[in-house]
Amino acid sequence: MRLICSRKKLTLRDYQHNMIALTRSIFLFGLAILLLISVAAKDTLPSNGVVAPLSLNMGANEGGNIFNMDAPPLPTMVGCFLLVHSSWVAVPSLSLEEAAKLPPLMEGGNYGVKGVSSSTISGSKVLVEGDVQIQFSQFSGESDWTYGGNDWSVQDNTNQFSGANGDTYAVQFAVQNCGSQNCGASGSSNASLCVWQVDVTTQNYSDRLCMGTNIQTLSSNYHDSVSGYLSQSGGVDYLDAQFCDPSNCWGVVNTDNKGLTGNWFGASGTILGYGGGSTAAFTSPTSLSTKVFVDSYFPFYAQSTNVVETAEMNNLNADTPSLSCGGPIDNPPIYYCRTTTPSIN
């Protein structure tokens, strides 16, 4: 349909004709743009991937962790914090001497841990948060083969990435629980939450900031969550770790010293050995569900992954994970994807 153009005065019917023609042209142009986007997405989306967003409104805390709904965002300052009456209160960190006694959560080995990997059409790395939640439905006992009973870690591990100096780095947000009293840092606490910023190339684990937490006791209804997310203030990038058990939440904030910001595209984790490449051995029968969340301020594609990055292990048999995505939620909008992996022995 063509527009009517004339040096003579157009009639009302001519104006109506032109409006219909313009409306149709705009509609066809928009449809063509949508088709181009669809083709690009089809070429980029992995065969077993899922796209975020879907339509789902969960409600979220603005500017911070969206899955531990009772905890506000951590302060944008280096330090350690305890959640008291819905507010973060600064508490002492472990001393350098105490933190140095913790066995490192090793990057390397041949043990695969399930998680989520993201991708975008532009290739940008857009994740701002990764969370690991564990939930037991059946528990018969646990002992770390190297350390002892009730010794384990819950690790929330990022993807490895290249640093400015050419080395490969990774970040681990993790809680380490030493229930046997045969491991861990000295002092009143035998459990700790840390942000580990690891130089994988040189196997340097010295960049760590840790705090003491309550010693945990596993059971058939035990559940907890370890979260890591990015924050920024005054042009400074921060890494925030948060650990919540059924009763309390702890938080650690450190500067982003290795450059995870802008390089984060995957997260993986579950309950594993206490550290130093050890194995958490669970007595049969044990049933565990692990959920790994990732989220971003931008839409992204995601697929479940089996990442060989950490040397700690467990003796559970992980089943096939399910993958789902949702968003946008909250303001500014947040998009997320989640894997759920059942494990038994």
C-alpha atoms as a PDB file:
ATOM      1  CA  MET A   1       0.000   0.000   0.000  1.00  0.00           C
ATOM      2  CA  ARG A   2       1.482   3.357  -1.073  1.00  0.00           C
ATOM      3  CA  LEU A   3       1.144   6.781   0.524  1.00  0.00           C
ATOM      4  CA  ILE A   4      -0.946   9.362  -1.324  1.00  0.00           C
ATOM      5  CA  CYS A   5       1.125  12.459  -2.053  1.00  0.00           C
ATOM      6  CA  SER A   6      -0.254  15.488  -3.898  1.00  0.00           C
ATOM      7  CA  ARG A   7       0.308  19.202  -4.226  1.00  0.00           C
ATOM      8  CA  LYS A   8      -3.442  19.565  -3.928  1.00  0.00           C
ATOM      9  CA  LYS A   9      -5.151  19.568  -0.535  1.00  0.00           C
ATOM     10  CA  LEU A  10      -5.616  15.986   0.669  1.00  0.00           C
ATOM     11  CA  THR A  11      -9.089  14.808   1.527  1.00  0.00           C
ATOM     12  CA  LEU A  12     -10.067  13.141   4.838  1.00  0.00           C
ATOM     13  CA  ARG A  13     -10.147   9.826   2.996  1.00  0.00           C
ATOM     14  CA  ASP A  14      -6.575  10.417   1.768  1.00  0.00           C
ATOM     15  CA  TYR A  15      -5.398  11.052   5.359  1.00  0.00           C
ATOM     16  CA  GLN A  16      -7.095   7.845   6.557  1.00  0.00           C
ATOM     17  CA  HIS A  17      -5.431   5.906   3.734  1.00  0.00           C
ATOM     18  CA  ASN A  18      -2.005   7.286   4.658  1.00  0.00           C
ATOM     19  CA  MET A  19      -2.449   6.468   8.371  1.00  0.00           C
ATOM     20  CA  ILE A  20      -3.297   2.840   7.531  1.00  0.00           C
ATOM     21  CA  ALA A  21      -0.275   2.597   5.228  1.00  0.00           C
ATOM     22  CA  LEU A  22       2.096   4.022   7.870  1.00  0.00           C
ATOM     23  CA  THR A  23       0.722   1.744  10.593  1.00  0.00           C
ATOM     24  CA  ARG A  24       1.174  -1.302   8.372  1.00  0.00           C
ATOM     25  CA  SER A  25       4.746  -0.308   7.497  1.00  0.00           C
ATOM     26  CA  ILE A  26       5.689   0.191  11.155  1.00  0.00           C
ATOM     27  CA  PHE A  27       4.189  -3.196  12.049  1.00  0.00           C
ATOM     28  CA  LEU A  28       6.069  -4.985   9.257  1.00  0.00           C
ATOM     29  CA  PHE A  29       9.331  -3.270  10.240  1.00  0.00           C
ATOM     30  CA  GLY A  30       8.933  -4.343  13.882  1.00  0.00           C
ATOM     31  CA  LEU A  31       8.128  -7.902  12.806  1.00  0.00           C
ATOM     32  CA  ALA A  32      11.303  -8.022  10.724  1.00  0.00           C
ATOM     33  CA  ILE A  33      13.400  -6.878  13.700  1.00  0.00           C
ATOM     34  CA  LEU A  34      11.864  -9.578  15.913  1.00  0.00           C
ATOM     35  CA  LEU A  35      12.626 -12.227  13.293  1.00  0.00           C
ATOM     36  CA  LEU A  36      16.265 -11.128  13.123  1.00  0.00           C
ATOM     37  CA  ILE A  37      16.572 -11.335  16.916  1.00  0.00           C
ATOM     38  CA  SER A  38      14.973 -14.777  16.873  1.00  0.00           C
ATOM     39  CA  VAL A  39      17.444 -16.056  14.282  1.00  0.00           C
ATOM     40  CA  ALA A  40      20.388 -14.689  16.246  1.00  0.00           C
ATOM     41  CA  ALA A  41      19.132 -16.309  19.438  1.00  0.00           C
ATOM     42  CA  LYS A  42      18.625 -19.650  17.700  1.00  0.00           C
ATOM     43  CA  ASP A  43      22.198 -19.550  16.433  1.00  0.00           C
ATOM     44  CA  THR A  44      23.575 -18.713  19.887  1.00  0.00           C
ATOM     45  CA  LEU A  45      21.475 -20.770  22.307  1.00  0.00           C
ATOM     46  CA  PRO A  46      23.062 -24.144  23.209  1.00  0.00           C
ATOM     47  CA  SER A  47      21.027 -27.182  22.217  1.00  0.00           C
ATOM     48  CA  ASN A  48      20.312 -28.009  25.860  1.00  0.00           C
ATOM     49  CA  GLY A  49      20.077 -24.378  26.989  1.00  0.00           C
ATOM     50  CA  VAL A  50      17.301 -22.255  28.405  1.00  0.00           C
ATOM     51  CA  VAL A  51      16.834 -18.546  27.937  1.00  0.00           C
ATOM     52  CA  ALA A  52      16.276 -16.049  30.740  1.00  0.00           C
ATOM     53  CA  PRO A  53      13.857 -14.376  31.060  1.00  0.00           C
ATOM     54  CA  LEU A  54      10.566 -16.162  31.443  1.00  0.00           C
ATOM     55  CA  SER A  55       7.554 -14.515  33.020  1.00  0.00           C
ATOM     56  CA  LEU A  56       7.793 -14.957  36.782  1.00  0.00           C
ATOM     57  CA  ASN A  57       7.569 -12.515  39.657  1.00  0.00           C
ATOM     58  CA  MET A  58       9.289 -13.667  42.854  1.00  0.00           C
ATOM     59  CA  GLY A  59      10.083 -10.349  44.525  1.00  0.00           C
ATOM     60  CA  ALA A  60      13.660  -9.510  45.428  1.00  0.00           C
ATOM     61  CA  ASN A  61      15.821  -7.321  47.586  1.00  0.00           C
ATOM     62  CA  GLU A  62      16.916  -4.273  45.624  1.00  0.00           C
ATOM     63  CA  GLY A  63      20.606  -4.161  44.852  1.00  0.00           C
ATOM     64  CA  GLY A  64      21.655  -7.354  46.617  1.00  0.00           C
ATOM     65  CA  ASN A  65      21.182 -11.058  47.148  1.00  0.00           C
ATOM     66  CA  ILE A  66      17.780 -12.096  45.807  1.00  0.00           C
ATOM     67  CA  PHE A  67      17.456 -15.649  47.095  1.00  0.00           C
ATOM     68  CA  ASN A  68      18.156 -15.170  50.820  1.00  0.00           C
ATOM     69  CA  MET A  69      15.054 -13.051  51.134  1.00  0.00           C
ATOM     70  CA  ASP A  70      15.490 -12.085  54.805  1.00  0.00           C
ATOM     71  CA  ALA A  71      18.955 -10.567  54.398  1.00  0.00           C
ATOM     72  CA  PRO A  72      19.491  -7.028  53.082  1.00  0.00           C
ATOM     73  CA  PRO A  73      22.492  -6.262  50.853  1.00  0.00           C
ATOM     74  CA  LEU A  74      25.828  -6.317  52.665  1.00  0.00           C
ATOM     75  CA  PRO A  75      27.570  -2.978  53.351  1.00  0.00           C
ATOM     76  CA  THR A  76      29.844  -1.811  50.528  1.00  0.00           C
ATOM     77  CA  MET A  77      32.980  -1.817  52.630  1.00  0.00           C
ATOM     78  CA  VAL A  78      35.669  -4.374  53.405  1.00  0.00           C
ATOM     79  CA  GLY A  79      34.786  -6.315  56.528  1.00  0.00           C
ATOM     80  CA  CYS A  80      32.848  -9.121  58.184  1.00  0.00           C
ATOM     81  CA  PHE A  81      29.260  -8.905  59.337  1.00  0.00           C
ATOM     82  CA  LEU A  82      26.574 -10.706  61.331  1.00  0.00           C
ATOM     83  CA  LEU A  83      22.868 -10.246  60.615  1.00  0.00           C
ATOM     84  CA  VAL A  84      21.156  -8.968  63.769  1.00  0.00           C
ATOM     85  CA  HIS A  85      17.449  -8.036  63.648  1.00  0.00           C
ATOM     86  CA  SER A  86      17.547  -7.625  59.850  1.00  0.00           C
ATOM     87  CA  SER A  87      20.619  -5.334  59.943  1.00  0.00           C
ATOM     88  CA  TRP A  88      24.268  -6.155  59.292  1.00  0.00           C
ATOM     89  CA  VAL A  89      26.544  -5.534  62.282  1.00  0.00           C
ATOM     90  CA  ALA A  90      30.334  -5.401  61.825  1.00  0.00           C
ATOM     91  CA  VAL A  91      32.258  -8.146  63.665  1.00  0.00           C
ATOM     92  CA  PRO A  92      35.969  -9.088  63.704  1.00  0.00           C
ATOM     93  CA  SER A  93      37.431 -11.144  60.889  1.00  0.00           C
ATOM     94  CA  LEU A  94      39.753 -14.063  61.449  1.00  0.00           C
ATOM     95  CA  SER A  95      43.312 -12.874  61.898  1.00  0.00           C
ATOM     96  CA  LEU A  96      45.760 -13.550  59.086  1.00  0.00           C
ATOM     97  CA  GLU A  97      47.367 -16.223  61.277  1.00  0.00           C
ATOM     98  CA  GLU A  98      44.034 -17.950  61.922  1.00  0.00           C
ATOM     99  CA  ALA A  99      42.906 -17.744  58.305  1.00  0.00           C
ATOM    100  CA  ALA A 100      46.245 -19.165  57.143  1.00  0.00           C
ATOM    101  CA  LYS A 101      45.517 -22.361  59.091  1.00  0.00           C
ATOM    102  CA  LEU A 102      42.466 -23.120  56.944  1.00  0.00           C
ATOM    103  CA  PRO A 103      43.251 -25.684  54.240  1.00  0.00           C
ATOM    104  CA  PRO A 104      42.689 -24.056  50.842  1.00  0.00           C
ATOM    105  CA  LEU A 105      39.779 -25.061  48.650  1.00  0.00           C
ATOM    106  CA  MET A 106      41.868 -26.380  45.798  1.00  0.00           C
ATOM    107  CA  GLU A 107      41.368 -25.311  42.189  1.00  0.00           C
ATOM    108  CA  GLY A 108      42.187 -28.345  40.070  1.00  0.00           C
ATOM    109  CA  GLY A 109      41.665 -32.098  40.162  1.00  0.00           C
ATOM    110  CA  ASN A 110      39.297 -34.255  38.121  1.00  0.00           C
ATOM    111  CA  TYR A 111      36.023 -34.030  40.062  1.00  0.00           C
ATOM    112  CA  GLY A 112      33.043 -32.487  38.263  1.00  0.00           C
ATOM    113  CA  VAL A 113      30.570 -30.287  40.144  1.00  0.00           C
ATOM    114  CA  LYS A 114      27.178 -29.392  38.651  1.00  0.00           C
ATOM    115  CA  GLY A 115      26.216 -25.779  38.032  1.00  0.00           C
ATOM    116  CA  VAL A 116      25.031 -23.172  35.520  1.00  0.00           C
ATOM    117  CA  SER A 117      26.899 -21.518  32.649  1.00  0.00           C
ATOM    118  CA  SER A 118      25.607 -18.404  30.882  1.00  0.00           C
ATOM    119  CA  SER A 119      26.176 -16.838  27.487  1.00  0.00           C
ATOM    120  CA  THR A 120      24.948 -13.814  25.528  1.00  0.00           C
ATOM    121  CA  ILE A 121      24.741 -12.909  21.853  1.00  0.00           C
ATOM    122  CA  SER A 122      27.402 -10.246  22.353  1.00  0.00           C
ATOM    123  CA  GLY A 123      29.667 -12.624  24.253  1.00  0.00           C
ATOM    124  CA  SER A 124      29.683 -10.377  27.314  1.00  0.00           C
ATOM    125  CA  LYS A 125      29.952 -11.929  30.769  1.00  0.00           C
ATOM    126  CA  VAL A 126      27.008 -10.528  32.664  1.00  0.00           C
ATOM    127  CA  LEU A 127      26.554 -12.462  35.916  1.00  0.00           C
ATOM    128  CA  VAL A 128      26.383 -10.494  39.151  1.00  0.00           C
ATOM    129  CA  GLU A 129      25.482 -13.296  41.563  1.00  0.00           C
ATOM    130  CA  GLY A 130      25.826 -17.028  42.110  1.00  0.00           C
ATOM    131  CA  ASP A 131      24.138 -18.954  44.935  1.00  0.00           C
ATOM    132  CA  VAL A 132      24.378 -22.552  46.141  1.00  0.00           C
ATOM    133  CA  GLN A 133      21.636 -24.035  48.328  1.00  0.00           C
ATOM    134  CA  ILE A 134      21.759 -27.538  49.805  1.00  0.00           C
ATOM    135  CA  GLN A 135      18.867 -29.460  51.352  1.00  0.00           C
ATOM    136  CA  PHE A 136      19.033 -32.948  52.881  1.00  0.00           C
ATOM    137  CA  SER A 137      15.938 -35.135  52.853  1.00  0.00           C
ATOM    138  CA  GLN A 138      17.774 -38.170  54.236  1.00  0.00           C
ATOM    139  CA  PHE A 139      21.015 -38.238  56.203  1.00  0.00           C
ATOM    140  CA  SER A 140      22.837 -41.133  57.868  1.00  0.00           C
ATOM    141  CA  GLY A 141      26.231 -39.645  58.699  1.00  0.00           C
ATOM    142  CA  GLU A 142      29.288 -37.930  57.196  1.00  0.00           C
ATOM    143  CA  SER A 143      33.033 -37.997  57.749  1.00  0.00           C
ATOM    144  CA  ASP A 144      35.820 -36.335  55.802  1.00  0.00           C
ATOM    145  CA  TRP A 145      38.328 -39.011  54.851  1.00  0.00           C
ATOM    146  CA  THR A 146      41.223 -36.697  55.690  1.00  0.00           C
ATOM    147  CA  TYR A 147      39.935 -34.829  58.736  1.00  0.00           C
ATOM    148  CA  GLY A 148      37.008 -36.416  60.571  1.00  0.00           C
ATOM    149  CA  GLY A 149      33.304 -36.484  61.331  1.00  0.00           C
ATOM    150  CA  ASN A 150      31.145 -33.462  60.469  1.00  0.00           C
ATOM    151  CA  ASP A 151      34.014 -31.861  58.531  1.00  0.00           C
ATOM    152  CA  TRP A 152      32.932 -30.473  55.154  1.00  0.00           C
ATOM    153  CA  SER A 153      32.600 -27.365  53.004  1.00  0.00           C
ATOM    154  CA  VAL A 154      29.826 -25.847  50.922  1.00  0.00           C
ATOM    155  CA  GLN A 155      31.446 -24.175  47.942  1.00  0.00           C
ATOM    156  CA  ASP A 156      30.052 -21.571  45.565  1.00  0.00           C
ATOM    157  CA  ASN A 157      32.681 -21.479  42.823  1.00  0.00           C
ATOM    158  CA  THR A 158      32.930 -19.081  39.880  1.00  0.00           C
ATOM    159  CA  ASN A 159      34.297 -19.872  36.452  1.00  0.00           C
ATOM    160  CA  GLN A 160      38.021 -19.422  35.909  1.00  0.00           C
ATOM    161  CA  PHE A 161      39.044 -16.272  34.035  1.00  0.00           C
ATOM    162  CA  SER A 162      42.147 -14.532  32.701  1.00  0.00           C
ATOM    163  CA  GLY A 163      43.718 -11.726  34.709  1.00  0.00           C
ATOM    164  CA  ALA A 164      45.573  -8.630  33.592  1.00  0.00           C
ATOM    165  CA  ASN A 165      48.940 -10.334  34.197  1.00  0.00           C
ATOM    166  CA  GLY A 166      48.026 -13.354  32.070  1.00  0.00           C
ATOM    167  CA  ASP A 167      47.424 -15.699  35.006  1.00  0.00           C
ATOM    168  CA  THR A 168      44.198 -17.658  35.393  1.00  0.00           C
ATOM    169  CA  TYR A 169      42.059 -16.695  38.405  1.00  0.00           C
ATOM    170  CA  ALA A 170      38.937 -17.965  40.156  1.00  0.00           C
ATOM    171  CA  VAL A 171      36.842 -16.934  43.155  1.00  0.00           C
ATOM    172  CA  GLN A 172      35.368 -19.253  45.765  1.00  0.00           C
ATOM    173  CA  PHE A 173      32.666 -18.152  48.198  1.00  0.00           C
ATOM    174  CA  ALA A 174      32.610 -20.931  50.768  1.00  0.00           C
ATOM    175  CA  VAL A 175      31.873 -22.075  54.298  1.00  0.00           C
ATOM    176  CA  GLN A 176      34.157 -24.650  55.926  1.00  0.00           C
ATOM    177  CA  ASN A 177      32.759 -26.607  58.858  1.00  0.00           C
ATOM    178  CA  CYS A 178      35.097 -28.403  61.265  1.00  0.00           C
ATOM    179  CA  GLY A 179      32.864 -30.326  63.638  1.00  0.00           C
ATOM    180  CA  SER A 180      35.561 -32.803  64.650  1.00  0.00           C
ATOM    181  CA  GLN A 181      37.811 -30.111  66.187  1.00  0.00           C
ATOM    182  CA  ASN A 182      40.700 -31.676  64.209  1.00  0.00           C
ATOM    183  CA  CYS A 183      40.960 -28.954  61.603  1.00  0.00           C
ATOM    184  CA  GLY A 184      40.433 -25.313  60.887  1.00  0.00           C
ATOM    185  CA  ALA A 185      41.589 -22.044  62.386  1.00  0.00           C
ATOM    186  CA  SER A 186      42.374 -21.671  66.051  1.00  0.00           C
ATOM    187  CA  GLY A 187      40.125 -19.675  68.358  1.00  0.00           C
ATOM    188  CA  SER A 188      36.547 -19.944  69.545  1.00  0.00           C
ATOM    189  CA  SER A 189      35.115 -20.859  66.132  1.00  0.00           C
ATOM    190  CA  ASN A 190      35.777 -24.009  64.154  1.00  0.00           C
ATOM    191  CA  ALA A 191      33.639 -22.965  61.236  1.00  0.00           C
ATOM    192  CA  SER A 192      34.318 -20.127  58.843  1.00  0.00           C
ATOM    193  CA  LEU A 193      33.038 -18.202  55.850  1.00  0.00           C
ATOM    194  CA  CYS A 194      35.637 -16.944  53.351  1.00  0.00           C
ATOM    195  CA  VAL A 195      36.071 -15.161  50.062  1.00  0.00           C
ATOM    196  CA  TRP A 196      38.957 -16.920  48.336  1.00  0.00           C
ATOM    197  CA  GLN A 197      40.524 -15.087  45.355  1.00  0.00           C
ATOM    198  CA  VAL A 198      42.771 -17.701  43.806  1.00  0.00           C
ATOM    199  CA  ASP A 199      45.635 -17.467  41.347  1.00  0.00           C
ATOM    200  CA  VAL A 200      45.066 -20.818  39.662  1.00  0.00           C
ATOM    201  CA  THR A 201      48.220 -20.563  37.562  1.00  0.00           C
ATOM    202  CA  THR A 202      50.559 -20.267  40.531  1.00  0.00           C
ATOM    203  CA  GLN A 203      48.244 -22.088  42.987  1.00  0.00           C
ATOM    204  CA  ASN A 204      48.409 -19.093  45.337  1.00  0.00           C
ATOM    205  CA  TYR A 205      45.581 -19.099  47.896  1.00  0.00           C
ATOM    206  CA  SER A 206      46.843 -16.296  50.135  1.00  0.00           C
ATOM    207  CA  ASP A 207      44.196 -13.752  49.051  1.00  0.00           C
ATOM    208  CA  ARG A 208      41.466 -14.705  51.503  1.00  0.00           C
ATOM    209  CA  LEU A 209      39.216 -12.871  53.943  1.00  0.00           C
ATOM    210  CA  CYS A 210      37.436 -15.016  56.523  1.00  0.00           C
ATOM    211  CA  MET A 211      35.204 -14.837  59.573  1.00  0.00           C
ATOM    212  CA  GLY A 212      34.021 -17.336  62.153  1.00  0.00           C
ATOM    213  CA  THR A 213      30.503 -18.790  62.006  1.00  0.00           C
ATOM    214  CA  ASN A 214      28.527 -21.254  64.102  1.00  0.00           C
ATOM    215  CA  ILE A 215      29.495 -24.922  63.851  1.00  0.00           C
ATOM    216  CA  GLN A 216      26.840 -26.741  61.829  1.00  0.00           C
ATOM    217  CA  THR A 217      25.388 -30.209  62.468  1.00  0.00           C
ATOM    218  CA  LEU A 218      24.015 -32.086  59.472  1.00  0.00           C
ATOM    219  CA  SER A 219      20.668 -33.892  59.711  1.00  0.00           C
ATOM    220  CA  SER A 220      17.837 -35.174  57.534  1.00  0.00           C
ATOM    221  CA  ASN A 221      16.231 -31.720  57.464  1.00  0.00           C
ATOM    222  CA  TYR A 222      19.390 -29.599  57.367  1.00  0.00           C
ATOM    223  CA  HIS A 223      19.633 -26.870  54.754  1.00  0.00           C
ATOM    224  CA  ASP A 224      21.860 -23.850  54.157  1.00  0.00           C
ATOM    225  CA  SER A 225      22.922 -21.454  51.426  1.00  0.00           C
ATOM    226  CA  VAL A 226      26.186 -19.858  50.323  1.00  0.00           C
ATOM    227  CA  SER A 227      25.924 -16.818  48.080  1.00  0.00           C
ATOM    228  CA  GLY A 228      28.401 -14.675  46.229  1.00  0.00           C
ATOM    229  CA  TYR A 229      27.575 -11.426  44.506  1.00  0.00           C
ATOM    230  CA  LEU A 230      29.117  -8.248  43.153  1.00  0.00           C
ATOM    231  CA  SER A 231      28.667  -4.738  44.510  1.00  0.00           C
ATOM    232  CA  GLN A 232      30.209  -1.365  43.811  1.00  0.00           C
ATOM    233  CA  SER A 233      30.634   1.947  45.625  1.00  0.00           C
ATOM    234  CA  GLY A 234      32.713   4.990  44.763  1.00  0.00           C
ATOM    235  CA  GLY A 235      34.168   3.274  41.716  1.00  0.00           C
ATOM    236  CA  VAL A 236      35.412   0.312  43.788  1.00  0.00           C
ATOM    237  CA  ASP A 237      34.260  -3.231  42.929  1.00  0.00           C
ATOM    238  CA  TYR A 238      33.507  -5.576  45.838  1.00  0.00           C
ATOM    239  CA  LEU A 239      32.948  -9.317  46.264  1.00  0.00           C
ATOM    240  CA  ASP A 240      30.263 -10.220  48.801  1.00  0.00           C
ATOM    241  CA  ALA A 241      29.917 -13.656  50.409  1.00  0.00           C
ATOM    242  CA  GLN A 242      26.913 -14.629  52.493  1.00  0.00           C
ATOM    243  CA  PHE A 243      26.210 -17.814  54.434  1.00  0.00           C
ATOM    244  CA  CYS A 244      22.814 -18.508  55.979  1.00  0.00           C
ATOM    245  CA  ASP A 245      21.893 -21.527  58.073  1.00  0.00           C
ATOM    246  CA  PRO A 246      18.309 -22.049  59.322  1.00  0.00           C
ATOM    247  CA  SER A 247      18.828 -19.457  62.085  1.00  0.00           C
ATOM    248  CA  ASN A 248      21.606 -16.998  61.214  1.00  0.00           C
ATOM    249  CA  CYS A 249      23.374 -15.182  58.384  1.00  0.00           C
ATOM    250  CA  TRP A 250      27.021 -14.095  58.133  1.00  0.00           C
ATOM    251  CA  GLY A 251      28.675 -11.929  55.484  1.00  0.00           C
ATOM    252  CA  VAL A 252      32.187 -11.176  54.203  1.00  0.00           C
ATOM    253  CA  VAL A 253      33.008  -8.271  51.868  1.00  0.00           C
ATOM    254  CA  ASN A 254      36.357  -7.788  50.146  1.00  0.00           C
ATOM    255  CA  THR A 255      37.570  -5.760  47.192  1.00  0.00           C
ATOM    256  CA  ASP A 256      37.585  -7.506  43.819  1.00  0.00           C
ATOM    257  CA  ASN A 257      41.337  -7.961  43.613  1.00  0.00           C
ATOM    258  CA  LYS A 258      41.487 -10.376  40.668  1.00  0.00           C
ATOM    259  CA  GLY A 259      38.866  -8.873  38.336  1.00  0.00           C
ATOM    260  CA  LEU A 260      35.809 -11.145  38.584  1.00  0.00           C
ATOM    261  CA  THR A 261      33.598  -8.148  37.768  1.00  0.00           C
ATOM    262  CA  GLY A 262      32.936  -8.334  34.043  1.00  0.00           C
ATOM    263  CA  ASN A 263      34.361 -11.870  33.790  1.00  0.00           C
ATOM    264  CA  TRP A 264      31.663 -13.899  35.552  1.00  0.00           C
ATOM    265  CA  PHE A 265      29.652 -16.323  33.430  1.00  0.00           C
ATOM    266  CA  GLY A 266      29.254 -19.503  35.505  1.00  0.00           C
ATOM    267  CA  ALA A 267      28.752 -20.894  39.011  1.00  0.00           C
ATOM    268  CA  SER A 268      28.909 -24.389  40.454  1.00  0.00           C
ATOM    269  CA  GLY A 269      28.993 -26.010  43.860  1.00  0.00           C
ATOM    270  CA  THR A 270      27.587 -28.320  46.509  1.00  0.00           C
ATOM    271  CA  ILE A 271      28.721 -29.857  49.819  1.00  0.00           C
ATOM    272  CA  LEU A 272      32.254 -31.278  49.465  1.00  0.00           C
ATOM    273  CA  GLY A 273      35.329 -32.158  51.487  1.00  0.00           C
ATOM    274  CA  TYR A 274      36.611 -29.726  54.110  1.00  0.00           C
ATOM    275  CA  GLY A 275      39.623 -28.565  52.073  1.00  0.00           C
ATOM    276  CA  GLY A 276      43.015 -29.435  50.661  1.00  0.00           C
ATOM    277  CA  GLY A 277      41.465 -31.784  48.110  1.00  0.00           C
ATOM    278  CA  SER A 278      39.690 -33.927  50.724  1.00  0.00           C
ATOM    279  CA  THR A 279      36.484 -35.954  50.286  1.00  0.00           C
ATOM    280  CA  ALA A 280      33.261 -35.733  52.296  1.00  0.00           C
ATOM    281  CA  ALA A 281      32.056 -39.324  52.640  1.00  0.00           C
ATOM    282  CA  PHE A 282      28.349 -39.777  53.383  1.00  0.00           C
ATOM    283  CA  THR A 283      26.920 -42.898  54.974  1.00  0.00           C
ATOM    284  CA  SER A 284      24.190 -44.642  52.975  1.00  0.00           C
ATOM    285  CA  PRO A 285      21.368 -43.856  52.678  1.00  0.00           C
ATOM    286  CA  THR A 286      21.762 -40.121  52.071  1.00  0.00           C
ATOM    287  CA  SER A 287      19.631 -37.931  49.789  1.00  0.00           C
ATOM    288  CA  LEU A 288      20.635 -34.377  48.910  1.00  0.00           C
ATOM    289  CA  SER A 289      19.241 -31.672  46.658  1.00  0.00           C
ATOM    290  CA  THR A 290      21.588 -28.915  45.430  1.00  0.00           C
ATOM    291  CA  LYS A 291      20.315 -25.769  43.743  1.00  0.00           C
ATOM    292  CA  VAL A 292      22.684 -23.421  41.931  1.00  0.00           C
ATOM    293  CA  PHE A 293      21.346 -19.984  40.992  1.00  0.00           C
ATOM    294  CA  VAL A 294      22.912 -17.337  38.784  1.00  0.00           C
ATOM    295  CA  ASP A 295      21.482 -13.933  37.987  1.00  0.00           C
ATOM    296  CA  SER A 296      22.132 -10.828  35.951  1.00  0.00           C
ATOM    297  CA  TYR A 297      20.722  -7.406  35.198  1.00  0.00           C
ATOM    298  CA  PHE A 298      20.552  -8.425  31.505  1.00  0.00           C
ATOM    299  CA  PRO A 299      18.852 -11.323  29.678  1.00  0.00           C
ATOM    300  CA  PHE A 300      21.122 -14.297  29.024  1.00  0.00           C
ATOM    301  CA  TYR A 301      21.138 -17.894  27.832  1.00  0.00           C
ATOM    302  CA  ALA A 302      22.028 -20.679  30.237  1.00  0.00           C
ATOM    303  CA  GLN A 303      22.821 -24.363  30.280  1.00  0.00           C
ATOM    304  CA  SER A 304      23.617 -26.821  33.042  1.00  0.00           C
ATOM    305  CA  THR A 305      27.287 -27.726  33.327  1.00  0.00           C
ATOM    306  CA  ASN A 306      29.513 -30.284  35.016  1.00  0.00           C
ATOM    307  CA  VAL A 307      32.563 -28.205  35.896  1.00  0.00           C
ATOM    308  CA  VAL A 308      35.937 -29.773  36.736  1.00  0.00           C
ATOM    309  CA  GLU A 309      37.509 -27.004  38.820  1.00  0.00           C
ATOM    310  CA  THR A 310      37.694 -27.950  42.490  1.00  0.00           C
ATOM    311  CA  ALA A 311      39.724 -30.793  43.970  1.00  0.00           C
ATOM    312  CA  GLU A 312      37.383 -31.404  46.922  1.00  0.00           C
ATOM    313  CA  MET A 313      34.855 -34.197  46.392  1.00  0.00           C
ATOM    314  CA  ASN A 314      32.026 -36.184  47.950  1.00  0.00           C
ATOM    315  CA  ASN A 315      30.961 -39.810  47.478  1.00  0.00           C
ATOM    316  CA  LEU A 316      27.383 -39.063  46.401  1.00  0.00           C
ATOM    317  CA  ASN A 317      26.063 -39.968  42.962  1.00  0.00           C
ATOM    318  CA  ALA A 318      24.716 -36.851  41.264  1.00  0.00           C
ATOM    319  CA  ASP A 319      21.702 -37.345  38.991  1.00  0.00           C
ATOM    320  CA  THR A 320      20.819 -35.277  35.912  1.00  0.00           C
ATOM    321  CA  PRO A 321      20.139 -31.642  36.846  1.00  0.00           C
ATOM    322  CA  SER A 322      17.004 -29.785  35.816  1.00  0.00           C
ATOM    323  CA  LEU A 323      17.291 -26.223  34.521  1.00  0.00           C
ATOM    324  CA  SER A 324      14.785 -23.381  34.735  1.00  0.00           C
ATOM    325  CA  CYS A 325      14.951 -19.628  34.199  1.00  0.00           C
ATOM    326  CA  GLY A 326      12.878 -16.607  35.128  1.00  0.00           C
ATOM    327  CA  GLY A 327      12.625 -12.848  35.258  1.00  0.00           C
ATOM    328  CA  PRO A 328      12.601  -9.966  35.047  1.00  0.00           C
ATOM    329  CA  ILE A 329      11.886  -9.393  38.719  1.00  0.00           C
ATOM    330  CA  ASP A 330      12.366  -6.328  40.884  1.00  0.00           C
ATOM    331  CA  ASN A 331      13.568  -2.885  39.855  1.00  0.00           C
ATOM    332  CA  PRO A 332      16.128  -2.709  38.316  1.00  0.00           C
ATOM    333  CA  PRO A 333      15.122  -5.919  36.534  1.00  0.00           C
ATOM    334  CA  ILE A 334      16.936  -9.125  37.459  1.00  0.00           C
ATOM    335  CA  TYR A 335      17.052 -12.256  35.301  1.00  0.00           C
ATOM    336  CA  TYR A 336      18.020 -15.640  36.740  1.00  0.00           C
ATOM    337  CA  CYS A 337      18.515 -19.323  35.985  1.00  0.00           C
ATOM    338  CA  ARG A 338      18.693 -22.295  38.351  1.00  0.00           C
ATOM    339  CA  THR A 339      19.790 -25.903  38.260  1.00  0.00           C
ATOM    340  CA  THR A 340      18.452 -28.480  40.713  1.00  0.00           C
ATOM    341  CA  THR A 341      20.553 -31.636  41.143  1.00  0.00           C
ATOM    342  CA  PRO A 342      19.496 -34.628  43.263  1.00  0.00           C
ATOM    343  CA  SER A 343      22.293 -36.758  44.745  1.00  0.00           C
ATOM    344  CA  ILE A 344      22.111 -40.091  46.587  1.00  0.00           C
ATOM    345  CA  ASN A 345      24.260 -43.006  47.681  1.00  0.00           C
END
